Amino acid sequence: MRNTGLKEIVQLKSIRDMALELDITERTVKYRISRIFDKTGTKNQRELIRIISE
């Protein structure tokens, strides 16, 4: 099993698509994404991408 990472978020995949690709539940994807947002001070995928590209 892979970790939910920036690759999936940057590709703007849906929660469902990430869960299916990573073979984990949608709830787990949401939790992992929320942790990434908390650590980066972002609120959504687009905001995270903007910060990464700066």
Protein backbone atom coordinates (compact mmCIF):
# COMPACT_ATOMS: atom_id res chain seq x y z
CA MET A 1 0.00 0.00 0.00
CA ARG A 2 1.27 3.46 -0.93
CA ASN A 3 0.83 6.59 1.10
CA THR A 4 -1.51 9.27 -0.14
CA GLY A 5 0.88 11.86 -1.39
CA LEU A 6 1.31 15.04 -3.27
CA LYS A 7 1.34 13.25 -6.62
CA GLU A 8 -2.34 12.34 -6.37
CA ILE A 9 -3.31 15.72 -4.96
CA VAL A 10 -1.38 17.67 -7.59
CA GLN A 11 -3.11 15.66 -10.30
CA LEU A 12 -6.41 16.97 -8.86
CA LYS A 13 -7.84 13.51 -8.57
CA SER A 14 -11.09 13.06 -6.73
CA ILE A 15 -11.19 11.47 -3.29
CA ARG A 16 -12.90 8.44 -4.79
CA ASP A 17 -10.29 8.06 -7.55
CA MET A 18 -7.44 8.32 -5.04
CA ALA A 19 -9.07 5.73 -2.80
CA LEU A 20 -9.55 3.31 -5.68
CA GLU A 21 -6.02 3.81 -7.01
CA LEU A 22 -4.42 3.42 -3.58
CA ASP A 23 -6.76 0.61 -2.45
CA ILE A 24 -7.80 2.43 0.73
CA THR A 25 -11.08 3.89 1.95
CA GLU A 26 -12.29 7.35 1.02
CA ARG A 27 -12.27 8.16 4.73
CA THR A 28 -8.55 7.34 4.92
CA VAL A 29 -7.82 9.52 1.90
CA LYS A 30 -9.72 12.42 3.46
CA TYR A 31 -7.82 12.02 6.72
CA ARG A 32 -4.42 11.91 5.00
CA ILE A 33 -5.23 14.90 2.83
CA SER A 34 -6.42 16.88 5.84
CA ARG A 35 -3.09 16.16 7.55
CA ILE A 36 -1.21 17.44 4.50
CA PHE A 37 -3.37 20.58 4.46
CA ASP A 38 -2.80 21.10 8.20
CA LYS A 39 0.95 20.78 7.81
CA THR A 40 1.11 23.17 4.87
CA GLY A 41 -1.51 25.65 6.07
CA THR A 42 -3.65 25.10 2.98
CA LYS A 43 -7.38 24.43 2.65
CA ASN A 44 -7.72 22.71 -0.73
CA GLN A 45 -5.83 21.03 -3.57
CA ARG A 46 -5.53 24.14 -5.71
CA GLU A 47 -4.12 26.20 -2.84
CA LEU A 48 -1.57 23.46 -2.11
CA ILE A 49 -0.51 23.37 -5.76
CA ARG A 50 -0.04 27.16 -5.74
CA ILE A 51 2.26 26.92 -2.73
CA ILE A 52 4.26 24.05 -4.22
CA SER A 53 4.82 25.91 -7.49
CA GLU A 54 6.11 29.10 -5.81
